[in-house]
């Protein structure tokens, strides 16, 4: 399954959610693929890894239910470099 992860830091960034979705959809069109699910953490800082949709995503990756995760930029995964690298290792 191919999925996408989207996050914003504040609940006043709906335009950022829309922009991320648009960017992901354009990427998918270009690659000839389709994101089957969007995991969205709205208004949650990237400083914490305790994000409901993010945690569900990681659980599904660990259970081999997800083949690929599409994000618009690494900062959507997290703001802490070490934590982000740990997530990338899980994705591998």
Foldseek 3Di string as FASTA:
>chain_A
DEAEEAEDQAQVPPVRVVVFVVVVVVVCVVVVHDHPYYQYQHNHALADCPTVSSVVVLVCLLVVVHLYYDGPDLCRNHDDPVSSVVSVVSND
